[in-house]
């Protein structure tokens, strides 16, 4: 199952060239990631002990307007302490970027720890 998040594009997201600034795409992915965690893991993001250890984005086309960006997000197979999330960002029906983040589960002291079994089950059930 792919989670789809719709994120409003704000006027302030645009740069001097009139298109959404490249750094804002990472913020759109962050917002989609929060929706993913709350829908799939069924845990408020404020209760998750998790960090993003890696982020990559590939830009395909600029977003030159306001409206909504649609982000499809799904998880890959969890490893020991981490798991990937994959993103596809679309604007007006066109894929404008793809991305990937690696999330690392943390314990209460801030040390990487095994991805909880409940998360593993939720991720497996979303497929």
PDB file of N, CA and C in Angstrom:
ATOM      1  N   UNK A   1       0.831  -1.179   0.000  1.00  0.00           N
ATOM      2  CA  UNK A   1       0.000   0.000   0.000  1.00  0.00           C
ATOM      3  C   UNK A   1       0.874   1.240   0.000  1.00  0.00           C
ATOM      4  N   UNK A   2       0.562   2.137  -0.865  1.00  0.00           N
ATOM      5  CA  UNK A   2       1.256   3.416  -0.916  1.00  0.00           C
ATOM      6  C   UNK A   2       0.392   4.450  -0.211  1.00  0.00           C
ATOM      7  N   UNK A   3       0.990   5.215   0.665  1.00  0.00           N
ATOM      8  CA  UNK A   3       0.296   6.319   1.312  1.00  0.00           C
ATOM      9  C   UNK A   3       0.456   7.539   0.420  1.00  0.00           C
ATOM     10  N   UNK A   4      -0.639   8.249   0.194  1.00  0.00           N
ATOM     11  CA  UNK A   4      -0.597   9.457  -0.620  1.00  0.00           C
ATOM     12  C   UNK A   4      -0.914  10.644   0.276  1.00  0.00           C
ATOM     13  N   UNK A   5      -0.017  11.600   0.280  1.00  0.00           N
ATOM     14  CA  UNK A   5      -0.202  12.833   1.042  1.00  0.00           C
ATOM     15  C   UNK A   5      -0.330  13.989   0.062  1.00  0.00           C
ATOM     16  N   UNK A   6      -1.260  14.868   0.333  1.00  0.00           N
ATOM     17  CA  UNK A   6      -1.411  16.073  -0.486  1.00  0.00           C
ATOM     18  C   UNK A   6      -0.976  17.260   0.351  1.00  0.00           C
ATOM     19  N   UNK A   7       0.026  17.970  -0.136  1.00  0.00           N
ATOM     20  CA  UNK A   7       0.634  19.078   0.593  1.00  0.00           C
ATOM     21  C   UNK A   7       0.388  20.365  -0.186  1.00  0.00           C
ATOM     22  N   UNK A   8      -0.106  21.371   0.518  1.00  0.00           N
ATOM     23  CA  UNK A   8      -0.350  22.671  -0.117  1.00  0.00           C
ATOM     24  C   UNK A   8       0.976  23.353  -0.435  1.00  0.00           C
ATOM     25  N   UNK A   9       1.066  23.903  -1.636  1.00  0.00           N
ATOM     26  CA  UNK A   9       2.224  24.686  -2.049  1.00  0.00           C
ATOM     27  C   UNK A   9       1.939  26.134  -1.675  1.00  0.00           C
ATOM     28  N   UNK A  10       2.797  26.701  -0.871  1.00  0.00           N
ATOM     29  CA  UNK A  10       2.591  28.082  -0.423  1.00  0.00           C
ATOM     30  C   UNK A  10       3.351  29.038  -1.334  1.00  0.00           C
ATOM     31  N   UNK A  11       2.862  30.240  -1.426  1.00  0.00           N
ATOM     32  CA  UNK A  11       3.536  31.262  -2.213  1.00  0.00           C
ATOM     33  C   UNK A  11       4.980  31.434  -1.735  1.00  0.00           C
ATOM     34  N   UNK A  12       5.201  31.372  -0.443  1.00  0.00           N
ATOM     35  CA  UNK A  12       6.539  31.557   0.133  1.00  0.00           C
ATOM     36  C   UNK A  12       7.515  30.427  -0.213  1.00  0.00           C
ATOM     37  N   UNK A  13       7.020  29.312  -0.747  1.00  0.00           N
ATOM     38  CA  UNK A  13       7.886  28.192  -1.140  1.00  0.00           C
ATOM     39  C   UNK A  13       8.696  28.506  -2.394  1.00  0.00           C
ATOM     40  N   UNK A  14       8.320  29.549  -3.105  1.00  0.00           N
ATOM     41  CA  UNK A  14       8.943  29.900  -4.382  1.00  0.00           C
ATOM     42  C   UNK A  14      10.198  30.749  -4.183  1.00  0.00           C
ATOM     43  N   UNK A  15      11.130  30.575  -5.080  1.00  0.00           N
ATOM     44  CA  UNK A  15      12.363  31.359  -5.022  1.00  0.00           C
ATOM     45  C   UNK A  15      12.308  32.497  -6.048  1.00  0.00           C
ATOM     46  N   UNK A  16      13.414  33.181  -6.218  1.00  0.00           N
ATOM     47  CA  UNK A  16      13.477  34.334  -7.122  1.00  0.00           C
ATOM     48  C   UNK A  16      13.243  33.956  -8.588  1.00  0.00           C
ATOM     49  N   UNK A  17      13.377  32.681  -8.918  1.00  0.00           N
ATOM     50  CA  UNK A  17      13.159  32.227 -10.292  1.00  0.00           C
ATOM     51  C   UNK A  17      11.699  31.865 -10.556  1.00  0.00           C
ATOM     52  N   UNK A  18      10.859  31.943  -9.516  1.00  0.00           N
ATOM     53  CA  UNK A  18       9.442  31.670  -9.682  1.00  0.00           C
ATOM     54  C   UNK A  18       9.050  30.211  -9.580  1.00  0.00           C
ATOM     55  N   UNK A  19       9.970  29.356  -9.121  1.00  0.00           N
ATOM     56  CA  UNK A  19       9.598  27.963  -8.906  1.00  0.00           C
ATOM     57  C   UNK A  19       9.917  27.568  -7.471  1.00  0.00           C
ATOM     58  N   UNK A  20       9.333  26.462  -7.028  1.00  0.00           N
ATOM     59  CA  UNK A  20       9.535  26.009  -5.660  1.00  0.00           C
ATOM     60  C   UNK A  20      11.019  25.732  -5.461  1.00  0.00           C
ATOM     61  N   UNK A  21      11.566  26.307  -4.398  1.00  0.00           N
ATOM     62  CA  UNK A  21      12.978  26.135  -4.071  1.00  0.00           C
ATOM     63  C   UNK A  21      13.284  24.667  -3.803  1.00  0.00           C
ATOM     64  N   UNK A  22      14.445  24.226  -4.225  1.00  0.00           N
ATOM     65  CA  UNK A  22      14.800  22.810  -4.100  1.00  0.00           C
ATOM     66  C   UNK A  22      14.751  22.303  -2.665  1.00  0.00           C
ATOM     67  N   UNK A  23      15.117  23.115  -1.696  1.00  0.00           N
ATOM     68  CA  UNK A  23      15.112  22.675  -0.294  1.00  0.00           C
ATOM     69  C   UNK A  23      13.696  22.413   0.214  1.00  0.00           C
ATOM     70  N   UNK A  24      12.713  23.071  -0.368  1.00  0.00           N
ATOM     71  CA  UNK A  24      11.323  22.906   0.065  1.00  0.00           C
ATOM     72  C   UNK A  24      10.821  21.493  -0.259  1.00  0.00           C
ATOM     73  N   UNK A  25      11.358  20.870  -1.303  1.00  0.00           N
ATOM     74  CA  UNK A  25      10.964  19.506  -1.640  1.00  0.00           C
ATOM     75  C   UNK A  25      11.233  18.571  -0.453  1.00  0.00           C
ATOM     76  N   UNK A  26      12.331  18.804   0.251  1.00  0.00           N
ATOM     77  CA  UNK A  26      12.641  17.988   1.433  1.00  0.00           C
ATOM     78  C   UNK A  26      11.595  18.210   2.522  1.00  0.00           C
ATOM     79  N   UNK A  27      11.108  19.442   2.646  1.00  0.00           N
ATOM     80  CA  UNK A  27      10.050  19.730   3.616  1.00  0.00           C
ATOM     81  C   UNK A  27       8.758  19.028   3.224  1.00  0.00           C
ATOM     82  N   UNK A  28       8.436  19.003   1.933  1.00  0.00           N
ATOM     83  CA  UNK A  28       7.246  18.274   1.484  1.00  0.00           C
ATOM     84  C   UNK A  28       7.371  16.789   1.842  1.00  0.00           C
ATOM     85  N   UNK A  29       8.555  16.220   1.641  1.00  0.00           N
ATOM     86  CA  UNK A  29       8.771  14.811   2.003  1.00  0.00           C
ATOM     87  C   UNK A  29       8.616  14.613   3.507  1.00  0.00           C
ATOM     88  N   UNK A  30       9.104  15.560   4.289  1.00  0.00           N
ATOM     89  CA  UNK A  30       8.971  15.479   5.740  1.00  0.00           C
ATOM     90  C   UNK A  30       7.495  15.458   6.144  1.00  0.00           C
ATOM     91  N   UNK A  31       6.703  16.338   5.563  1.00  0.00           N
ATOM     92  CA  UNK A  31       5.280  16.369   5.881  1.00  0.00           C
ATOM     93  C   UNK A  31       4.600  15.053   5.492  1.00  0.00           C
ATOM     94  N   UNK A  32       4.968  14.514   4.343  1.00  0.00           N
ATOM     95  CA  UNK A  32       4.402  13.230   3.905  1.00  0.00           C
ATOM     96  C   UNK A  32       4.840  12.108   4.836  1.00  0.00           C
ATOM     97  N   UNK A  33       6.082  12.161   5.290  1.00  0.00           N
ATOM     98  CA  UNK A  33       6.615  11.143   6.210  1.00  0.00           C
ATOM     99  C   UNK A  33       5.811  11.134   7.513  1.00  0.00           C
ATOM    100  N   UNK A  34       5.467  12.301   8.022  1.00  0.00           N
ATOM    101  CA  UNK A  34       4.654  12.386   9.241  1.00  0.00           C
ATOM    102  C   UNK A  34       3.307  11.700   9.010  1.00  0.00           C
ATOM    103  N   UNK A  35       2.672  11.986   7.881  1.00  0.00           N
ATOM    104  CA  UNK A  35       1.392  11.329   7.566  1.00  0.00           C
ATOM    105  C   UNK A  35       1.571   9.816   7.466  1.00  0.00           C
ATOM    106  N   UNK A  36       2.669   9.389   6.844  1.00  0.00           N
ATOM    107  CA  UNK A  36       2.939   7.958   6.707  1.00  0.00           C
ATOM    108  C   UNK A  36       3.029   7.311   8.091  1.00  0.00           C
ATOM    109  N   UNK A  37       3.839   7.889   8.968  1.00  0.00           N
ATOM    110  CA  UNK A  37       4.014   7.314  10.305  1.00  0.00           C
ATOM    111  C   UNK A  37       2.693   7.244  11.056  1.00  0.00           C
ATOM    112  N   UNK A  38       1.908   8.303  10.973  1.00  0.00           N
ATOM    113  CA  UNK A  38       0.654   8.323  11.715  1.00  0.00           C
ATOM    114  C   UNK A  38      -0.375   7.357  11.136  1.00  0.00           C
ATOM    115  N   UNK A  39      -0.392   7.193   9.816  1.00  0.00           N
ATOM    116  CA  UNK A  39      -1.351   6.267   9.195  1.00  0.00           C
ATOM    117  C   UNK A  39      -0.912   4.814   9.298  1.00  0.00           C
ATOM    118  N   UNK A  40       0.343   4.531   8.947  1.00  0.00           N
ATOM    119  CA  UNK A  40       0.805   3.148   8.861  1.00  0.00           C
ATOM    120  C   UNK A  40       1.252   2.617  10.218  1.00  0.00           C
ATOM    121  N   UNK A  41       2.069   3.385  10.937  1.00  0.00           N
ATOM    122  CA  UNK A  41       2.544   2.912  12.235  1.00  0.00           C
ATOM    123  C   UNK A  41       1.519   3.174  13.339  1.00  0.00           C
ATOM    124  N   UNK A  42       0.520   4.018  13.041  1.00  0.00           N
ATOM    125  CA  UNK A  42      -0.539   4.358  13.977  1.00  0.00           C
ATOM    126  C   UNK A  42       0.028   4.900  15.297  1.00  0.00           C
ATOM    127  N   UNK A  43       1.052   5.750  15.153  1.00  0.00           N
ATOM    128  CA  UNK A  43       1.695   6.369  16.306  1.00  0.00           C
ATOM    129  C   UNK A  43       1.879   7.847  15.987  1.00  0.00           C
ATOM    130  N   UNK A  44       1.484   8.738  16.902  1.00  0.00           N
ATOM    131  CA  UNK A  44       1.751  10.157  16.660  1.00  0.00           C
ATOM    132  C   UNK A  44       3.251  10.393  16.521  1.00  0.00           C
ATOM    133  N   UNK A  45       3.629  11.247  15.613  1.00  0.00           N
ATOM    134  CA  UNK A  45       5.044  11.476  15.350  1.00  0.00           C
ATOM    135  C   UNK A  45       5.767  11.962  16.616  1.00  0.00           C
ATOM    136  N   UNK A  46       5.056  12.624  17.508  1.00  0.00           N
ATOM    137  CA  UNK A  46       5.668  13.105  18.751  1.00  0.00           C
ATOM    138  C   UNK A  46       6.080  11.965  19.672  1.00  0.00           C
ATOM    139  N   UNK A  47       5.576  10.769  19.423  1.00  0.00           N
ATOM    140  CA  UNK A  47       5.912   9.610  20.253  1.00  0.00           C
ATOM    141  C   UNK A  47       6.919   8.671  19.597  1.00  0.00           C
ATOM    142  N   UNK A  48       7.399   9.020  18.416  1.00  0.00           N
ATOM    143  CA  UNK A  48       8.363   8.165  17.714  1.00  0.00           C
ATOM    144  C   UNK A  48       9.786   8.560  18.065  1.00  0.00           C
ATOM    145  N   UNK A  49      10.592   7.577  18.359  1.00  0.00           N
ATOM    146  CA  UNK A  49      12.024   7.804  18.553  1.00  0.00           C
ATOM    147  C   UNK A  49      12.706   7.371  17.266  1.00  0.00           C
ATOM    148  N   UNK A  50      12.901   8.334  16.368  1.00  0.00           N
ATOM    149  CA  UNK A  50      13.399   8.035  15.034  1.00  0.00           C
ATOM    150  C   UNK A  50      14.108   9.265  14.482  1.00  0.00           C
ATOM    151  N   UNK A  51      15.139   9.046  13.695  1.00  0.00           N
ATOM    152  CA  UNK A  51      15.825  10.147  13.021  1.00  0.00           C
ATOM    153  C   UNK A  51      16.014   9.787  11.555  1.00  0.00           C
ATOM    154  N   UNK A  52      16.143  10.812  10.738  1.00  0.00           N
ATOM    155  CA  UNK A  52      16.488  10.613   9.328  1.00  0.00           C
ATOM    156  C   UNK A  52      18.012  10.660   9.245  1.00  0.00           C
ATOM    157  N   UNK A  53      18.605   9.578   8.768  1.00  0.00           N
ATOM    158  CA  UNK A  53      20.056   9.489   8.666  1.00  0.00           C
ATOM    159  C   UNK A  53      20.567   9.802   7.258  1.00  0.00           C
ATOM    160  N   UNK A  54      19.666   9.718   6.273  1.00  0.00           N
ATOM    161  CA  UNK A  54      20.081   9.941   4.887  1.00  0.00           C
ATOM    162  C   UNK A  54      18.886  10.458   4.105  1.00  0.00           C
ATOM    163  N   UNK A  55      19.157  11.407   3.216  1.00  0.00           N
ATOM    164  CA  UNK A  55      18.123  11.965   2.342  1.00  0.00           C
ATOM    165  C   UNK A  55      18.711  12.137   0.950  1.00  0.00           C
ATOM    166  N   UNK A  56      17.970  11.689  -0.051  1.00  0.00           N
ATOM    167  CA  UNK A  56      18.367  11.971  -1.430  1.00  0.00           C
ATOM    168  C   UNK A  56      17.128  12.363  -2.218  1.00  0.00           C
ATOM    169  N   UNK A  57      17.298  13.326  -3.103  1.00  0.00           N
ATOM    170  CA  UNK A  57      16.219  13.790  -3.959  1.00  0.00           C
ATOM    171  C   UNK A  57      16.734  13.927  -5.386  1.00  0.00           C
ATOM    172  N   UNK A  58      15.948  13.487  -6.325  1.00  0.00           N
ATOM    173  CA  UNK A  58      16.250  13.661  -7.738  1.00  0.00           C
ATOM    174  C   UNK A  58      15.143  14.522  -8.329  1.00  0.00           C
ATOM    175  N   UNK A  59      15.525  15.669  -8.858  1.00  0.00           N
ATOM    176  CA  UNK A  59      14.564  16.619  -9.417  1.00  0.00           C
ATOM    177  C   UNK A  59      14.362  16.347 -10.898  1.00  0.00           C
ATOM    178  N   UNK A  60      13.100  16.336 -11.330  1.00  0.00           N
ATOM    179  CA  UNK A  60      12.776  16.074 -12.728  1.00  0.00           C
ATOM    180  C   UNK A  60      12.194  17.289 -13.432  1.00  0.00           C
ATOM    181  N   UNK A  61      11.442  18.094 -12.685  1.00  0.00           N
ATOM    182  CA  UNK A  61      10.796  19.262 -13.297  1.00  0.00           C
ATOM    183  C   UNK A  61      10.494  20.272 -12.199  1.00  0.00           C
ATOM    184  N   UNK A  62      10.495  21.552 -12.525  1.00  0.00           N
ATOM    185  CA  UNK A  62      10.178  22.561 -11.522  1.00  0.00           C
ATOM    186  C   UNK A  62       8.675  22.626 -11.248  1.00  0.00           C
ATOM    187  N   UNK A  63       8.350  23.077 -10.048  1.00  0.00           N
ATOM    188  CA  UNK A  63       6.965  23.412  -9.717  1.00  0.00           C
ATOM    189  C   UNK A  63       6.872  24.922  -9.844  1.00  0.00           C
ATOM    190  N   UNK A  64       6.066  25.380 -10.793  1.00  0.00           N
ATOM    191  CA  UNK A  64       5.976  26.813 -11.073  1.00  0.00           C
ATOM    192  C   UNK A  64       4.561  27.323 -10.825  1.00  0.00           C
ATOM    193  N   UNK A  65       4.091  27.170  -9.637  1.00  0.00           N
ATOM    194  CA  UNK A  65       2.756  27.650  -9.316  1.00  0.00           C
ATOM    195  C   UNK A  65       2.384  27.258  -7.907  1.00  0.00           C
ATOM    196  N   UNK A  66       1.168  27.603  -7.540  1.00  0.00           N
ATOM    197  CA  UNK A  66       0.652  27.182  -6.249  1.00  0.00           C
ATOM    198  C   UNK A  66      -0.348  26.072  -6.501  1.00  0.00           C
ATOM    199  N   UNK A  67      -0.898  25.541  -5.465  1.00  0.00           N
ATOM    200  CA  UNK A  67      -1.816  24.414  -5.594  1.00  0.00           C
ATOM    201  C   UNK A  67      -1.413  23.339  -4.624  1.00  0.00           C
ATOM    202  N   UNK A  68      -1.316  22.122  -5.134  1.00  0.00           N
ATOM    203  CA  UNK A  68      -1.031  20.969  -4.282  1.00  0.00           C
ATOM    204  C   UNK A  68       0.025  20.092  -4.922  1.00  0.00           C
ATOM    205  N   UNK A  69       0.945  19.618  -4.112  1.00  0.00           N
ATOM    206  CA  UNK A  69       1.879  18.590  -4.562  1.00  0.00           C
ATOM    207  C   UNK A  69       1.410  17.279  -3.929  1.00  0.00           C
ATOM    208  N   UNK A  70       1.339  16.238  -4.753  1.00  0.00           N
ATOM    209  CA  UNK A  70       0.913  14.926  -4.288  1.00  0.00           C
ATOM    210  C   UNK A  70       2.159  14.071  -4.090  1.00  0.00           C
ATOM    211  N   UNK A  71       2.270  13.466  -2.922  1.00  0.00           N
ATOM    212  CA  UNK A  71       3.450  12.666  -2.615  1.00  0.00           C
ATOM    213  C   UNK A  71       3.023  11.241  -2.294  1.00  0.00           C
ATOM    214  N   UNK A  72       3.496  10.313  -3.106  1.00  0.00           N
ATOM    215  CA  UNK A  72       3.290   8.896  -2.826  1.00  0.00           C
ATOM    216  C   UNK A  72       4.500   8.425  -2.035  1.00  0.00           C
ATOM    217  N   UNK A  73       4.242   7.731  -0.934  1.00  0.00           N
ATOM    218  CA  UNK A  73       5.331   7.296  -0.063  1.00  0.00           C
ATOM    219  C   UNK A  73       5.094   5.851   0.355  1.00  0.00           C
ATOM    220  N   UNK A  74       6.154   5.074   0.306  1.00  0.00           N
ATOM    221  CA  UNK A  74       6.069   3.694   0.788  1.00  0.00           C
ATOM    222  C   UNK A  74       7.408   3.279   1.378  1.00  0.00           C
ATOM    223  N   UNK A  75       7.349   2.287   2.235  1.00  0.00           N
ATOM    224  CA  UNK A  75       8.548   1.815   2.926  1.00  0.00           C
ATOM    225  C   UNK A  75       9.137   0.609   2.214  1.00  0.00           C
ATOM    226  N   UNK A  76      10.459   0.501   2.322  1.00  0.00           N
ATOM    227  CA  UNK A  76      11.150  -0.696   1.884  1.00  0.00           C
ATOM    228  C   UNK A  76      11.325  -1.629   3.073  1.00  0.00           C
ATOM    229  N   UNK A  77      11.973  -2.711   2.852  1.00  0.00           N
ATOM    230  CA  UNK A  77      12.204  -3.729   3.881  1.00  0.00           C
ATOM    231  C   UNK A  77      13.078  -3.174   5.010  1.00  0.00           C
ATOM    232  N   UNK A  78      12.622  -3.279   6.260  1.00  0.00           N
ATOM    233  CA  UNK A  78      13.458  -2.825   7.377  1.00  0.00           C
ATOM    234  C   UNK A  78      14.707  -3.681   7.519  1.00  0.00           C
ATOM    235  N   UNK A  79      15.795  -3.021   7.890  1.00  0.00           N
ATOM    236  CA  UNK A  79      17.022  -3.721   8.247  1.00  0.00           C
ATOM    237  C   UNK A  79      17.025  -3.922   9.754  1.00  0.00           C
ATOM    238  N   UNK A  80      18.196  -3.972  10.332  1.00  0.00           N
ATOM    239  CA  UNK A  80      18.282  -4.148  11.775  1.00  0.00           C
ATOM    240  C   UNK A  80      17.803  -2.927  12.533  1.00  0.00           C
ATOM    241  N   UNK A  81      18.409  -1.781  12.254  1.00  0.00           N
ATOM    242  CA  UNK A  81      18.108  -0.554  12.983  1.00  0.00           C
ATOM    243  C   UNK A  81      17.497   0.536  12.111  1.00  0.00           C
ATOM    244  N   UNK A  82      17.301   0.248  10.830  1.00  0.00           N
ATOM    245  CA  UNK A  82      16.829   1.292   9.920  1.00  0.00           C
ATOM    246  C   UNK A  82      15.884   0.723   8.870  1.00  0.00           C
ATOM    247  N   UNK A  83      15.213   1.646   8.183  1.00  0.00           N
ATOM    248  CA  UNK A  83      14.383   1.262   7.042  1.00  0.00           C
ATOM    249  C   UNK A  83      14.277   2.437   6.088  1.00  0.00           C
ATOM    250  N   UNK A  84      14.136   2.140   4.795  1.00  0.00           N
ATOM    251  CA  UNK A  84      14.007   3.208   3.797  1.00  0.00           C
ATOM    252  C   UNK A  84      12.557   3.596   3.554  1.00  0.00           C
ATOM    253  N   UNK A  85      12.362   4.847   3.180  1.00  0.00           N
ATOM    254  CA  UNK A  85      11.089   5.319   2.655  1.00  0.00           C
ATOM    255  C   UNK A  85      11.363   5.893   1.274  1.00  0.00           C
ATOM    256  N   UNK A  86      10.475   5.623   0.335  1.00  0.00           N
ATOM    257  CA  UNK A  86      10.610   6.084  -1.035  1.00  0.00           C
ATOM    258  C   UNK A  86       9.481   7.057  -1.355  1.00  0.00           C
ATOM    259  N   UNK A  87       9.797   8.116  -2.088  1.00  0.00           N
ATOM    260  CA  UNK A  87       8.859   9.192  -2.370  1.00  0.00           C
ATOM    261  C   UNK A  87       8.761   9.435  -3.876  1.00  0.00           C
ATOM    262  N   UNK A  88       7.553   9.747  -4.322  1.00  0.00           N
ATOM    263  CA  UNK A  88       7.351  10.233  -5.681  1.00  0.00           C
ATOM    264  C   UNK A  88       6.466  11.471  -5.561  1.00  0.00           C
ATOM    265  N   UNK A  89       6.994  12.620  -5.964  1.00  0.00           N
ATOM    266  CA  UNK A  89       6.286  13.892  -5.873  1.00  0.00           C
ATOM    267  C   UNK A  89       5.733  14.254  -7.235  1.00  0.00           C
ATOM    268  N   UNK A  90       4.440  14.581  -7.272  1.00  0.00           N
ATOM    269  CA  UNK A  90       3.781  14.951  -8.525  1.00  0.00           C
ATOM    270  C   UNK A  90       3.070  16.286  -8.367  1.00  0.00           C
ATOM    271  N   UNK A  91       3.090  17.056  -9.458  1.00  0.00           N
ATOM    272  CA  UNK A  91       2.391  18.336  -9.508  1.00  0.00           C
ATOM    273  C   UNK A  91       1.638  18.392 -10.825  1.00  0.00           C
ATOM    274  N   UNK A  92       0.341  18.614 -10.727  1.00  0.00           N
ATOM    275  CA  UNK A  92      -0.531  18.662 -11.902  1.00  0.00           C
ATOM    276  C   UNK A  92      -0.352  17.436 -12.802  1.00  0.00           C
ATOM    277  N   UNK A  93      -0.243  16.257 -12.163  1.00  0.00           N
ATOM    278  CA  UNK A  93      -0.159  14.998 -12.890  1.00  0.00           C
ATOM    279  C   UNK A  93       1.217  14.630 -13.415  1.00  0.00           C
ATOM    280  N   UNK A  94       2.221  15.472 -13.197  1.00  0.00           N
ATOM    281  CA  UNK A  94       3.580  15.209 -13.677  1.00  0.00           C
ATOM    282  C   UNK A  94       4.497  14.913 -12.495  1.00  0.00           C
ATOM    283  N   UNK A  95       5.307  13.862 -12.615  1.00  0.00           N
ATOM    284  CA  UNK A  95       6.287  13.556 -11.572  1.00  0.00           C
ATOM    285  C   UNK A  95       7.376  14.625 -11.628  1.00  0.00           C
ATOM    286  N   UNK A  96       7.546  15.334 -10.517  1.00  0.00           N
ATOM    287  CA  UNK A  96       8.521  16.423 -10.468  1.00  0.00           C
ATOM    288  C   UNK A  96       9.777  16.057  -9.685  1.00  0.00           C
ATOM    289  N   UNK A  97       9.697  14.991  -8.866  1.00  0.00           N
ATOM    290  CA  UNK A  97      10.873  14.561  -8.117  1.00  0.00           C
ATOM    291  C   UNK A  97      10.622  13.175  -7.531  1.00  0.00           C
ATOM    292  N   UNK A  98      11.714  12.491  -7.267  1.00  0.00           N
ATOM    293  CA  UNK A  98      11.668  11.235  -6.522  1.00  0.00           C
ATOM    294  C   UNK A  98      12.693  11.344  -5.411  1.00  0.00           C
ATOM    295  N   UNK A  99      12.494  10.555  -4.374  1.00  0.00           N
ATOM    296  CA  UNK A  99      13.431  10.649  -3.262  1.00  0.00           C
ATOM    297  C   UNK A  99      13.450   9.410  -2.409  1.00  0.00           C
ATOM    298  N   UNK A 100      14.363   9.441  -1.460  1.00  0.00           N
ATOM    299  CA  UNK A 100      14.533   8.323  -0.538  1.00  0.00           C
ATOM    300  C   UNK A 100      15.091   8.881   0.765  1.00  0.00           C
ATOM    301  N   UNK A 101      14.589   8.376   1.881  1.00  0.00           N
ATOM    302  CA  UNK A 101      15.200   8.661   3.172  1.00  0.00           C
ATOM    303  C   UNK A 101      15.464   7.347   3.876  1.00  0.00           C
ATOM    304  N   UNK A 102      16.455   7.365   4.745  1.00  0.00           N
ATOM    305  CA  UNK A 102      16.729   6.234   5.627  1.00  0.00           C
ATOM    306  C   UNK A 102      16.444   6.698   7.044  1.00  0.00           C
ATOM    307  N   UNK A 103      15.521   5.999   7.702  1.00  0.00           N
ATOM    308  CA  UNK A 103      15.153   6.292   9.076  1.00  0.00           C
ATOM    309  C   UNK A 103      15.866   5.319  10.003  1.00  0.00           C
ATOM    310  N   UNK A 104      16.348   5.828  11.129  1.00  0.00           N
ATOM    311  CA  UNK A 104      17.010   4.992  12.126  1.00  0.00           C
ATOM    312  C   UNK A 104      16.203   5.070  13.415  1.00  0.00           C
ATOM    313  N   UNK A 105      15.859   3.913  13.951  1.00  0.00           N
ATOM    314  CA  UNK A 105      15.156   3.846  15.232  1.00  0.00           C
ATOM    315  C   UNK A 105      16.149   4.152  16.352  1.00  0.00           C
ATOM    316  N   UNK A 106      15.676   4.895  17.346  1.00  0.00           N
ATOM    317  CA  UNK A 106      16.541   5.295  18.457  1.00  0.00           C
ATOM    318  C   UNK A 106      15.908   4.848  19.772  1.00  0.00           C
ATOM    319  N   UNK A 107      16.766   4.583  20.774  1.00  0.00           N
ATOM    320  CA  UNK A 107      16.215   4.310  22.094  1.00  0.00           C
ATOM    321  C   UNK A 107      16.086   5.631  22.851  1.00  0.00           C
ATOM    322  N   UNK A 108      15.646   5.573  24.082  1.00  0.00           N
ATOM    323  CA  UNK A 108      15.393   6.791  24.855  1.00  0.00           C
ATOM    324  C   UNK A 108      16.647   7.612  25.115  1.00  0.00           C
ATOM    325  N   UNK A 109      17.819   6.972  25.048  1.00  0.00           N
ATOM    326  CA  UNK A 109      19.071   7.700  25.280  1.00  0.00           C
ATOM    327  C   UNK A 109      19.651   8.276  23.994  1.00  0.00           C
ATOM    328  N   UNK A 110      18.980   8.039  22.856  1.00  0.00           N
ATOM    329  CA  UNK A 110      19.467   8.573  21.588  1.00  0.00           C
ATOM    330  C   UNK A 110      20.444   7.664  20.872  1.00  0.00           C
ATOM    331  N   UNK A 111      20.468   6.407  21.232  1.00  0.00           N
ATOM    332  CA  UNK A 111      21.353   5.425  20.609  1.00  0.00           C
ATOM    333  C   UNK A 111      20.551   4.600  19.603  1.00  0.00           C
ATOM    334  N   UNK A 112      21.104   4.363  18.408  1.00  0.00           N
ATOM    335  CA  UNK A 112      20.383   3.522  17.447  1.00  0.00           C
ATOM    336  C   UNK A 112      20.025   2.170  18.064  1.00  0.00           C
ATOM    337  N   UNK A 113      18.816   1.717  17.739  1.00  0.00           N
ATOM    338  CA  UNK A 113      18.313   0.460  18.290  1.00  0.00           C
ATOM    339  C   UNK A 113      17.544  -0.292  17.217  1.00  0.00           C
ATOM    340  N   UNK A 114      17.225  -1.527  17.490  1.00  0.00           N
ATOM    341  CA  UNK A 114      16.475  -2.357  16.538  1.00  0.00           C
ATOM    342  C   UNK A 114      15.118  -1.728  16.221  1.00  0.00           C
ATOM    343  N   UNK A 115      14.740  -1.775  14.946  1.00  0.00           N
ATOM    344  CA  UNK A 115      13.415  -1.311  14.534  1.00  0.00           C
ATOM    345  C   UNK A 115      12.388  -2.167  15.286  1.00  0.00           C
ATOM    346  N   UNK A 116      11.469  -1.523  16.011  1.00  0.00           N
ATOM    347  CA  UNK A 116      10.489  -2.288  16.800  1.00  0.00           C
ATOM    348  C   UNK A 116       9.672  -3.258  15.947  1.00  0.00           C
ATOM    349  N   UNK A 117       9.352  -4.396  16.540  1.00  0.00           N
ATOM    350  CA  UNK A 117       8.567  -5.407  15.828  1.00  0.00           C
ATOM    351  C   UNK A 117       7.221  -4.861  15.375  1.00  0.00           C
ATOM    352  N   UNK A 118       6.610  -3.990  16.169  1.00  0.00           N
ATOM    353  CA  UNK A 118       5.303  -3.430  15.778  1.00  0.00           C
ATOM    354  C   UNK A 118       5.431  -2.606  14.500  1.00  0.00           C
ATOM    355  N   UNK A 119       6.543  -1.895  14.329  1.00  0.00           N
ATOM    356  CA  UNK A 119       6.778  -1.135  13.097  1.00  0.00           C
ATOM    357  C   UNK A 119       6.987  -2.092  11.932  1.00  0.00           C
ATOM    358  N   UNK A 120       7.770  -3.137  12.159  1.00  0.00           N
ATOM    359  CA  UNK A 120       8.037  -4.124  11.114  1.00  0.00           C
ATOM    360  C   UNK A 120       6.735  -4.737  10.603  1.00  0.00           C
ATOM    361  N   UNK A 121       5.852  -5.086  11.542  1.00  0.00           N
ATOM    362  CA  UNK A 121       4.565  -5.675  11.170  1.00  0.00           C
ATOM    363  C   UNK A 121       3.708  -4.690  10.384  1.00  0.00           C
ATOM    364  N   UNK A 122       3.677  -3.438  10.839  1.00  0.00           N
ATOM    365  CA  UNK A 122       2.882  -2.423  10.152  1.00  0.00           C
ATOM    366  C   UNK A 122       3.406  -2.189   8.743  1.00  0.00           C
ATOM    367  N   UNK A 123       4.721  -2.134   8.596  1.00  0.00           N
ATOM    368  CA  UNK A 123       5.331  -1.929   7.277  1.00  0.00           C
ATOM    369  C   UNK A 123       5.039  -3.124   6.376  1.00  0.00           C
ATOM    370  N   UNK A 124       5.157  -4.333   6.932  1.00  0.00           N
ATOM    371  CA  UNK A 124       4.881  -5.542   6.144  1.00  0.00           C
ATOM    372  C   UNK A 124       3.422  -5.590   5.704  1.00  0.00           C
ATOM    373  N   UNK A 125       2.523  -5.131   6.568  1.00  0.00           N
ATOM    374  CA  UNK A 125       1.090  -5.162   6.247  1.00  0.00           C
ATOM    375  C   UNK A 125       0.689  -4.103   5.242  1.00  0.00           C
ATOM    376  N   UNK A 126       1.538  -3.080   5.020  1.00  0.00           N
ATOM    377  CA  UNK A 126       1.195  -2.034   4.059  1.00  0.00           C
ATOM    378  C   UNK A 126       1.487  -2.469   2.645  1.00  0.00           C
ATOM    379  N   UNK A 127       2.233  -3.542   2.465  1.00  0.00           N
ATOM    380  CA  UNK A 127       2.598  -4.003   1.124  1.00  0.00           C
ATOM    381  C   UNK A 127       1.434  -4.686   0.433  1.00  0.00           C
TER     382      UNK A 127
END
